[in-house]
């Protein structure tokens, strides 16, 4: 099962109709402040959507569009990937979790609700597998969330010329 419902949210793999919401999300400077440092273009968002769909088609996991259950409003995107990042140390084949929320959704517990739902889905799929994530060291809210859901720092590196914290959730 790829779709997930929580008390307040629906997580489901992206469809073409999600493009406008993804464009609005990734085009927001507040959203991209710690992820690339600049708003994404329409072309970049389209490529991101293609990567999301490709993950589901090739690997049977990927990112979900997260929406409020009652309104259908776009909350953000959460999921797992294997981007084969050229990093040192390497992430390997551990599922890499990521999350991004629309600014209006910050501070309401949506991120934790969605991330915990995704992690539960991952445990059901992979069992007690190690998962990883990378976060900019200045992104205090994401670092706090990562800590709350069990990610622990194991390295610091530079990725795309930017300092990066590498975190993992050990197999459990």
N, C-alpha and C. Protein backbone atom coordinates (compact mmCIF):
# COMPACT_ATOMS: atom_id res chain seq x y z
N UNK A 1 0.85 -1.19 0.00
CA UNK A 1 0.00 0.00 0.00
C UNK A 1 0.89 1.24 0.00
N UNK A 2 0.68 2.12 -0.93
CA UNK A 2 1.51 3.32 -1.05
C UNK A 2 0.90 4.54 -0.37
N UNK A 3 -0.41 4.59 -0.24
CA UNK A 3 -1.08 5.73 0.38
C UNK A 3 -1.11 5.55 1.89
N UNK A 4 -0.99 6.66 2.61
CA UNK A 4 -1.02 6.64 4.06
C UNK A 4 -1.98 7.72 4.53
N UNK A 5 -2.86 7.37 5.46
CA UNK A 5 -3.71 8.35 6.12
C UNK A 5 -3.34 8.41 7.59
N UNK A 6 -3.19 9.63 8.10
CA UNK A 6 -3.00 9.85 9.53
C UNK A 6 -4.25 10.58 10.02
N UNK A 7 -4.23 11.01 11.26
CA UNK A 7 -5.40 11.73 11.78
C UNK A 7 -5.72 12.96 10.95
N UNK A 8 -4.68 13.71 10.54
CA UNK A 8 -4.92 14.98 9.84
C UNK A 8 -4.43 15.01 8.40
N UNK A 9 -3.67 13.99 7.98
CA UNK A 9 -2.99 14.08 6.70
C UNK A 9 -3.25 12.87 5.81
N UNK A 10 -3.09 13.10 4.51
CA UNK A 10 -3.04 12.03 3.53
C UNK A 10 -1.69 12.15 2.81
N UNK A 11 -0.96 11.05 2.76
CA UNK A 11 0.29 10.97 2.03
C UNK A 11 0.05 10.02 0.87
N UNK A 12 0.33 10.46 -0.35
CA UNK A 12 0.18 9.57 -1.51
C UNK A 12 1.22 9.94 -2.54
N UNK A 13 1.67 8.96 -3.33
CA UNK A 13 2.63 9.29 -4.38
C UNK A 13 2.09 10.40 -5.28
N UNK A 14 2.99 11.18 -5.80
CA UNK A 14 2.62 12.30 -6.67
C UNK A 14 1.94 11.82 -7.95
N UNK A 15 1.08 12.68 -8.45
CA UNK A 15 0.46 12.52 -9.76
C UNK A 15 0.67 13.83 -10.52
N UNK A 16 0.43 13.80 -11.80
CA UNK A 16 0.66 14.99 -12.63
C UNK A 16 -0.07 16.22 -12.11
N UNK A 17 -1.25 16.03 -11.55
CA UNK A 17 -2.04 17.16 -11.06
C UNK A 17 -1.39 17.85 -9.86
N UNK A 18 -0.34 17.25 -9.27
CA UNK A 18 0.36 17.86 -8.14
C UNK A 18 1.40 18.89 -8.58
N UNK A 19 1.63 19.00 -9.87
CA UNK A 19 2.71 19.86 -10.34
C UNK A 19 2.58 21.30 -9.84
N UNK A 20 1.40 21.89 -9.96
CA UNK A 20 1.24 23.29 -9.55
C UNK A 20 1.53 23.49 -8.07
N UNK A 21 1.08 22.55 -7.23
CA UNK A 21 1.37 22.67 -5.80
C UNK A 21 2.86 22.49 -5.53
N UNK A 22 3.51 21.56 -6.23
CA UNK A 22 4.96 21.39 -6.06
C UNK A 22 5.70 22.63 -6.52
N UNK A 23 5.26 23.23 -7.62
CA UNK A 23 5.90 24.44 -8.12
C UNK A 23 5.76 25.58 -7.11
N UNK A 24 4.59 25.71 -6.53
CA UNK A 24 4.38 26.74 -5.52
C UNK A 24 5.27 26.48 -4.29
N UNK A 25 5.34 25.24 -3.88
CA UNK A 25 6.15 24.86 -2.73
C UNK A 25 7.63 25.15 -2.98
N UNK A 26 8.17 24.60 -4.05
CA UNK A 26 9.61 24.72 -4.34
C UNK A 26 9.98 26.09 -4.88
N UNK A 27 8.99 26.88 -5.27
CA UNK A 27 9.26 28.24 -5.73
C UNK A 27 9.30 29.26 -4.60
N UNK A 28 9.05 28.81 -3.38
CA UNK A 28 9.01 29.69 -2.22
C UNK A 28 10.41 29.83 -1.61
N UNK A 29 10.95 31.04 -1.52
CA UNK A 29 12.30 31.22 -0.96
C UNK A 29 12.45 30.71 0.47
N UNK A 30 11.38 30.76 1.25
CA UNK A 30 11.46 30.25 2.62
C UNK A 30 11.64 28.73 2.62
N UNK A 31 11.00 28.05 1.69
CA UNK A 31 11.11 26.59 1.59
C UNK A 31 12.51 26.18 1.17
N UNK A 32 13.09 26.91 0.24
CA UNK A 32 14.39 26.51 -0.34
C UNK A 32 15.59 27.15 0.35
N UNK A 33 15.35 27.92 1.38
CA UNK A 33 16.45 28.61 2.07
C UNK A 33 17.58 27.67 2.45
N UNK A 34 17.26 26.49 2.95
CA UNK A 34 18.28 25.52 3.36
C UNK A 34 18.44 24.37 2.37
N UNK A 35 17.68 24.41 1.29
CA UNK A 35 17.74 23.35 0.29
C UNK A 35 18.08 23.99 -1.05
N UNK A 36 19.34 24.16 -1.28
CA UNK A 36 19.79 24.77 -2.53
C UNK A 36 19.92 26.27 -2.49
N UNK A 37 19.25 26.92 -1.55
CA UNK A 37 19.42 28.34 -1.33
C UNK A 37 18.69 29.27 -2.26
N UNK A 38 17.92 28.72 -3.20
CA UNK A 38 17.16 29.58 -4.13
C UNK A 38 15.91 28.84 -4.58
N UNK A 39 14.86 29.59 -4.93
CA UNK A 39 13.65 28.93 -5.43
C UNK A 39 13.94 28.12 -6.69
N UNK A 40 13.22 27.04 -6.84
CA UNK A 40 13.37 26.18 -8.02
C UNK A 40 12.58 26.75 -9.19
N UNK A 41 13.08 26.51 -10.38
CA UNK A 41 12.38 26.91 -11.60
C UNK A 41 11.33 25.86 -11.95
N UNK A 42 10.47 26.21 -12.88
CA UNK A 42 9.47 25.27 -13.36
C UNK A 42 10.14 24.01 -13.91
N UNK A 43 11.21 24.18 -14.65
CA UNK A 43 11.94 23.04 -15.21
C UNK A 43 12.50 22.15 -14.10
N UNK A 44 13.06 22.75 -13.07
CA UNK A 44 13.63 21.97 -11.96
C UNK A 44 12.55 21.23 -11.18
N UNK A 45 11.41 21.86 -10.99
CA UNK A 45 10.32 21.19 -10.28
C UNK A 45 9.78 20.03 -11.12
N UNK A 46 9.69 20.23 -12.42
CA UNK A 46 9.23 19.15 -13.30
C UNK A 46 10.21 17.96 -13.21
N UNK A 47 11.51 18.23 -13.22
CA UNK A 47 12.51 17.16 -13.09
C UNK A 47 12.38 16.46 -11.73
N UNK A 48 12.12 17.22 -10.68
CA UNK A 48 11.94 16.64 -9.35
C UNK A 48 10.73 15.71 -9.35
N UNK A 49 9.64 16.15 -9.94
CA UNK A 49 8.44 15.32 -10.03
C UNK A 49 8.74 14.03 -10.79
N UNK A 50 9.51 14.12 -11.86
CA UNK A 50 9.88 12.93 -12.63
C UNK A 50 10.74 11.97 -11.77
N UNK A 51 11.64 12.53 -10.97
CA UNK A 51 12.45 11.69 -10.06
C UNK A 51 11.56 10.99 -9.04
N UNK A 52 10.59 11.72 -8.50
CA UNK A 52 9.68 11.11 -7.54
C UNK A 52 8.94 9.94 -8.18
N UNK A 53 8.39 10.16 -9.36
CA UNK A 53 7.65 9.09 -10.04
C UNK A 53 8.57 7.94 -10.40
N UNK A 54 9.80 8.25 -10.81
CA UNK A 54 10.77 7.22 -11.15
C UNK A 54 11.14 6.35 -9.96
N UNK A 55 11.24 6.95 -8.79
CA UNK A 55 11.54 6.16 -7.59
C UNK A 55 10.46 5.10 -7.37
N UNK A 56 9.20 5.52 -7.44
CA UNK A 56 8.12 4.55 -7.24
C UNK A 56 8.14 3.48 -8.32
N UNK A 57 8.38 3.86 -9.57
CA UNK A 57 8.36 2.90 -10.67
C UNK A 57 9.52 1.91 -10.59
N UNK A 58 10.71 2.40 -10.24
CA UNK A 58 11.90 1.54 -10.25
C UNK A 58 12.20 0.87 -8.91
N UNK A 59 11.93 1.56 -7.81
CA UNK A 59 12.37 1.08 -6.50
C UNK A 59 11.22 0.72 -5.56
N UNK A 60 10.00 1.03 -5.94
CA UNK A 60 8.81 0.78 -5.13
C UNK A 60 8.84 1.55 -3.81
N UNK A 61 9.48 2.70 -3.83
CA UNK A 61 9.40 3.67 -2.74
C UNK A 61 9.69 5.03 -3.34
N UNK A 62 9.38 6.08 -2.60
CA UNK A 62 9.62 7.42 -3.11
C UNK A 62 9.05 8.47 -2.18
N UNK A 63 8.70 9.59 -2.76
CA UNK A 63 8.14 10.71 -2.00
C UNK A 63 6.63 10.73 -2.15
N UNK A 64 6.01 11.24 -1.10
CA UNK A 64 4.56 11.43 -1.08
C UNK A 64 4.24 12.92 -1.11
N UNK A 65 3.16 13.27 -1.79
CA UNK A 65 2.54 14.58 -1.63
C UNK A 65 1.74 14.49 -0.35
N UNK A 66 1.92 15.44 0.53
CA UNK A 66 1.22 15.44 1.81
C UNK A 66 0.14 16.51 1.75
N UNK A 67 -1.08 16.10 2.04
CA UNK A 67 -2.21 17.02 2.00
C UNK A 67 -3.02 16.90 3.30
N UNK A 68 -3.65 18.02 3.66
CA UNK A 68 -4.60 17.98 4.76
C UNK A 68 -5.77 17.10 4.35
N UNK A 69 -6.19 16.23 5.23
CA UNK A 69 -7.29 15.33 4.89
C UNK A 69 -8.60 16.09 4.71
N UNK A 70 -8.85 17.09 5.53
CA UNK A 70 -10.15 17.77 5.48
C UNK A 70 -10.28 18.74 4.33
N UNK A 71 -9.18 19.40 3.95
CA UNK A 71 -9.26 20.44 2.91
C UNK A 71 -8.59 20.05 1.59
N UNK A 72 -7.68 19.08 1.62
CA UNK A 72 -6.91 18.74 0.43
C UNK A 72 -5.76 19.69 0.16
N UNK A 73 -5.58 20.67 1.03
CA UNK A 73 -4.51 21.66 0.85
C UNK A 73 -3.13 21.02 0.94
N UNK A 74 -2.23 21.46 0.07
CA UNK A 74 -0.86 20.93 0.06
C UNK A 74 -0.12 21.35 1.33
N UNK A 75 0.32 20.36 2.09
CA UNK A 75 1.10 20.59 3.30
C UNK A 75 2.59 20.55 2.95
N UNK A 76 2.97 19.65 2.05
CA UNK A 76 4.38 19.52 1.68
C UNK A 76 4.66 18.19 1.02
N UNK A 77 5.91 17.76 1.12
CA UNK A 77 6.35 16.51 0.54
C UNK A 77 7.27 15.81 1.54
N UNK A 78 7.09 14.50 1.66
CA UNK A 78 7.86 13.68 2.58
C UNK A 78 8.11 12.35 1.89
N UNK A 79 9.28 11.77 2.13
CA UNK A 79 9.47 10.44 1.56
C UNK A 79 10.88 9.93 1.66
N UNK A 80 11.13 8.88 0.88
CA UNK A 80 12.41 8.20 0.83
C UNK A 80 12.95 8.24 -0.59
N UNK A 81 14.26 8.22 -0.71
CA UNK A 81 14.88 8.23 -2.03
C UNK A 81 16.23 7.53 -1.97
N UNK A 82 16.73 7.24 -3.14
CA UNK A 82 18.12 6.88 -3.32
C UNK A 82 18.61 7.72 -4.49
N UNK A 83 19.17 8.88 -4.17
CA UNK A 83 19.62 9.82 -5.19
C UNK A 83 21.04 9.53 -5.66
N UNK A 84 21.69 8.51 -5.10
CA UNK A 84 23.07 8.17 -5.46
C UNK A 84 23.96 9.41 -5.36
N UNK A 85 23.82 10.09 -4.25
CA UNK A 85 24.57 11.32 -4.03
C UNK A 85 26.07 11.04 -3.99
N UNK A 86 26.83 11.90 -4.63
CA UNK A 86 28.29 11.81 -4.59
C UNK A 86 28.75 12.56 -3.33
N UNK A 87 28.80 11.83 -2.22
CA UNK A 87 29.14 12.42 -0.93
C UNK A 87 30.25 11.61 -0.27
N UNK A 88 30.99 12.28 0.59
CA UNK A 88 32.00 11.61 1.38
C UNK A 88 31.80 11.99 2.83
N UNK A 89 31.42 11.05 3.70
CA UNK A 89 31.26 9.63 3.40
C UNK A 89 29.98 9.38 2.59
N UNK A 90 29.94 8.26 1.87
CA UNK A 90 28.76 7.96 1.06
C UNK A 90 27.58 7.54 1.92
N UNK A 91 26.39 7.81 1.41
CA UNK A 91 25.17 7.37 2.09
C UNK A 91 24.91 5.89 1.87
N UNK A 92 25.48 5.33 0.82
CA UNK A 92 25.24 3.93 0.50
C UNK A 92 23.83 3.74 -0.02
N UNK A 93 23.31 2.55 0.19
CA UNK A 93 21.97 2.24 -0.30
C UNK A 93 20.89 2.37 0.76
N UNK A 94 21.23 2.94 1.91
CA UNK A 94 20.21 3.15 2.94
C UNK A 94 19.15 4.10 2.42
N UNK A 95 17.88 3.83 2.67
CA UNK A 95 16.85 4.78 2.26
C UNK A 95 17.12 6.15 2.89
N UNK A 96 17.11 7.17 2.05
CA UNK A 96 17.33 8.55 2.52
C UNK A 96 15.99 9.23 2.66
N UNK A 97 15.68 9.65 3.87
CA UNK A 97 14.41 10.32 4.11
C UNK A 97 14.58 11.83 3.97
N UNK A 98 13.54 12.47 3.48
CA UNK A 98 13.53 13.91 3.37
C UNK A 98 12.13 14.45 3.59
N UNK A 99 12.07 15.73 3.93
CA UNK A 99 10.78 16.37 4.16
C UNK A 99 10.90 17.85 3.86
N UNK A 100 9.81 18.41 3.38
CA UNK A 100 9.71 19.84 3.12
C UNK A 100 8.24 20.22 3.29
N UNK A 101 8.01 21.30 4.01
CA UNK A 101 6.64 21.74 4.26
C UNK A 101 6.43 23.16 3.79
N UNK A 102 5.21 23.44 3.38
CA UNK A 102 4.83 24.80 3.02
C UNK A 102 4.92 25.68 4.26
N UNK A 103 5.34 26.92 4.11
CA UNK A 103 5.49 27.81 5.28
C UNK A 103 4.23 27.91 6.14
N UNK A 104 3.04 27.90 5.53
CA UNK A 104 1.81 28.03 6.32
C UNK A 104 1.64 26.84 7.27
N UNK A 105 2.29 25.70 6.96
CA UNK A 105 2.10 24.48 7.75
C UNK A 105 3.13 24.33 8.87
N UNK A 106 4.10 25.23 8.94
CA UNK A 106 5.13 25.14 9.98
C UNK A 106 4.51 25.33 11.36
N UNK A 107 5.09 24.65 12.35
CA UNK A 107 4.71 24.85 13.74
C UNK A 107 3.40 24.22 14.16
N UNK A 108 2.84 23.34 13.34
CA UNK A 108 1.56 22.72 13.67
C UNK A 108 1.66 21.21 13.91
N UNK A 109 2.89 20.69 13.89
CA UNK A 109 3.08 19.26 14.10
C UNK A 109 2.87 18.41 12.86
N UNK A 110 2.59 19.05 11.72
CA UNK A 110 2.38 18.29 10.48
C UNK A 110 3.64 17.53 10.06
N UNK A 111 4.80 18.17 10.19
CA UNK A 111 6.04 17.52 9.76
C UNK A 111 6.27 16.24 10.54
N UNK A 112 6.16 16.33 11.84
CA UNK A 112 6.38 15.13 12.67
C UNK A 112 5.35 14.05 12.34
N UNK A 113 4.10 14.44 12.18
CA UNK A 113 3.05 13.47 11.86
C UNK A 113 3.35 12.76 10.54
N UNK A 114 3.76 13.52 9.54
CA UNK A 114 4.04 12.94 8.22
C UNK A 114 5.31 12.09 8.25
N UNK A 115 6.36 12.59 8.90
CA UNK A 115 7.62 11.84 8.96
C UNK A 115 7.42 10.54 9.74
N UNK A 116 6.74 10.59 10.86
CA UNK A 116 6.50 9.36 11.63
C UNK A 116 5.67 8.36 10.82
N UNK A 117 4.70 8.85 10.06
CA UNK A 117 3.90 7.95 9.21
C UNK A 117 4.79 7.32 8.13
N UNK A 118 5.67 8.12 7.53
CA UNK A 118 6.59 7.59 6.53
C UNK A 118 7.54 6.57 7.12
N UNK A 119 8.07 6.86 8.31
CA UNK A 119 8.98 5.91 8.96
C UNK A 119 8.27 4.60 9.30
N UNK A 120 7.02 4.67 9.73
CA UNK A 120 6.25 3.45 10.02
C UNK A 120 6.06 2.65 8.73
N UNK A 121 5.78 3.34 7.63
CA UNK A 121 5.64 2.68 6.34
C UNK A 121 6.96 1.99 5.98
N UNK A 122 8.08 2.70 6.18
CA UNK A 122 9.39 2.13 5.89
C UNK A 122 9.69 0.90 6.72
N UNK A 123 9.35 0.93 8.01
CA UNK A 123 9.56 -0.25 8.86
C UNK A 123 8.76 -1.43 8.35
N UNK A 124 7.52 -1.18 7.93
CA UNK A 124 6.69 -2.26 7.40
C UNK A 124 7.27 -2.80 6.10
N UNK A 125 7.88 -1.95 5.30
CA UNK A 125 8.44 -2.37 4.01
C UNK A 125 9.79 -3.06 4.16
N UNK A 126 10.71 -2.45 4.92
CA UNK A 126 12.09 -2.93 4.99
C UNK A 126 12.44 -3.62 6.29
N UNK A 127 11.56 -3.61 7.26
CA UNK A 127 11.92 -4.15 8.57
C UNK A 127 12.81 -3.14 9.29
N UNK A 128 13.70 -3.63 10.14
CA UNK A 128 14.51 -2.71 10.96
C UNK A 128 15.72 -2.16 10.20
N UNK A 129 15.51 -1.57 9.06
CA UNK A 129 16.60 -1.06 8.23
C UNK A 129 17.10 0.30 8.71
N UNK A 130 18.37 0.55 8.48
CA UNK A 130 18.97 1.86 8.73
C UNK A 130 18.41 2.84 7.71
N UNK A 131 18.06 4.04 8.16
CA UNK A 131 17.66 5.13 7.27
C UNK A 131 18.56 6.32 7.55
N UNK A 132 18.70 7.19 6.56
CA UNK A 132 19.59 8.35 6.69
C UNK A 132 18.86 9.60 6.23
N UNK A 133 19.42 10.75 6.55
CA UNK A 133 18.95 12.02 6.01
C UNK A 133 20.10 13.01 6.07
N UNK A 134 20.00 14.05 5.27
CA UNK A 134 21.00 15.12 5.30
C UNK A 134 20.26 16.44 5.50
N UNK A 135 20.89 17.30 6.32
CA UNK A 135 20.24 18.57 6.67
C UNK A 135 21.32 19.64 6.76
N UNK A 136 20.99 20.83 6.31
CA UNK A 136 21.90 21.97 6.46
C UNK A 136 22.07 22.27 7.95
N UNK A 137 23.29 22.55 8.40
CA UNK A 137 23.52 22.76 9.84
C UNK A 137 22.78 23.95 10.43
N UNK A 138 22.37 24.91 9.62
CA UNK A 138 21.62 26.07 10.11
C UNK A 138 20.11 25.83 10.16
N UNK A 139 19.66 24.68 9.67
CA UNK A 139 18.22 24.40 9.62
C UNK A 139 17.79 23.77 10.95
N UNK A 140 17.71 24.60 11.98
CA UNK A 140 17.41 24.13 13.33
C UNK A 140 16.06 23.39 13.42
N UNK A 141 14.98 23.86 12.78
CA UNK A 141 13.73 23.12 12.90
C UNK A 141 13.83 21.69 12.36
N UNK A 142 14.50 21.50 11.22
CA UNK A 142 14.63 20.15 10.67
C UNK A 142 15.54 19.29 11.53
N UNK A 143 16.59 19.88 12.08
CA UNK A 143 17.46 19.12 12.97
C UNK A 143 16.71 18.68 14.23
N UNK A 144 15.86 19.55 14.76
CA UNK A 144 15.05 19.17 15.94
C UNK A 144 14.09 18.04 15.60
N UNK A 145 13.44 18.14 14.44
CA UNK A 145 12.52 17.08 14.04
C UNK A 145 13.27 15.76 13.87
N UNK A 146 14.40 15.81 13.19
CA UNK A 146 15.19 14.60 12.99
C UNK A 146 15.53 13.95 14.34
N UNK A 147 15.93 14.76 15.29
CA UNK A 147 16.26 14.25 16.62
C UNK A 147 15.03 13.62 17.28
N UNK A 148 13.89 14.28 17.17
CA UNK A 148 12.66 13.78 17.81
C UNK A 148 12.21 12.42 17.27
N UNK A 149 12.50 12.17 15.98
CA UNK A 149 12.07 10.90 15.39
C UNK A 149 13.19 9.86 15.37
N UNK A 150 14.32 10.17 16.01
CA UNK A 150 15.34 9.15 16.21
C UNK A 150 16.57 9.21 15.33
N UNK A 151 16.72 10.24 14.50
CA UNK A 151 17.94 10.39 13.70
C UNK A 151 19.05 10.96 14.58
N UNK A 152 20.27 10.46 14.39
CA UNK A 152 21.42 10.94 15.14
C UNK A 152 22.55 11.28 14.16
N UNK A 153 23.22 12.39 14.45
CA UNK A 153 24.34 12.82 13.60
C UNK A 153 25.46 11.78 13.64
N UNK A 154 26.00 11.47 12.46
CA UNK A 154 27.15 10.58 12.41
C UNK A 154 28.32 11.16 11.62
N UNK A 155 28.07 12.25 10.88
CA UNK A 155 29.17 12.88 10.14
C UNK A 155 28.75 14.27 9.71
N UNK A 156 29.76 15.07 9.38
CA UNK A 156 29.56 16.37 8.73
C UNK A 156 30.40 16.35 7.48
N UNK A 157 29.86 16.97 6.44
CA UNK A 157 30.55 16.97 5.16
C UNK A 157 30.18 18.23 4.40
N UNK A 158 30.62 18.32 3.19
CA UNK A 158 30.22 19.38 2.27
C UNK A 158 29.55 18.71 1.09
N UNK A 159 28.38 19.20 0.74
CA UNK A 159 27.65 18.66 -0.41
C UNK A 159 27.19 19.84 -1.25
N UNK A 160 27.52 19.81 -2.54
CA UNK A 160 27.23 20.94 -3.44
C UNK A 160 27.74 22.25 -2.84
N UNK A 161 28.96 22.20 -2.34
CA UNK A 161 29.65 23.37 -1.79
C UNK A 161 28.98 23.95 -0.55
N UNK A 162 28.14 23.19 0.11
CA UNK A 162 27.46 23.68 1.31
C UNK A 162 27.71 22.72 2.48
N UNK A 163 27.91 23.24 3.67
CA UNK A 163 28.06 22.35 4.83
C UNK A 163 26.80 21.52 5.02
N UNK A 164 26.99 20.25 5.38
CA UNK A 164 25.87 19.32 5.48
C UNK A 164 26.06 18.40 6.68
N UNK A 165 24.99 18.21 7.44
CA UNK A 165 24.98 17.26 8.54
C UNK A 165 24.39 15.96 8.03
N UNK A 166 25.07 14.86 8.29
CA UNK A 166 24.60 13.53 7.91
C UNK A 166 24.05 12.85 9.16
N UNK A 167 22.84 12.34 9.07
CA UNK A 167 22.19 11.71 10.21
C UNK A 167 21.69 10.32 9.83
N UNK A 168 21.54 9.47 10.84
CA UNK A 168 21.04 8.13 10.59
C UNK A 168 20.11 7.70 11.72
N UNK A 169 19.20 6.83 11.36
CA UNK A 169 18.38 6.08 12.33
C UNK A 169 18.87 4.65 12.21
N UNK A 170 19.53 4.17 13.23
CA UNK A 170 20.03 2.79 13.14
C UNK A 170 18.89 1.79 12.95
N UNK A 171 19.24 0.63 12.42
CA UNK A 171 18.25 -0.43 12.27
C UNK A 171 17.66 -0.74 13.65
N UNK A 172 16.34 -0.82 13.69
CA UNK A 172 15.68 -1.18 14.96
C UNK A 172 14.41 -1.93 14.70
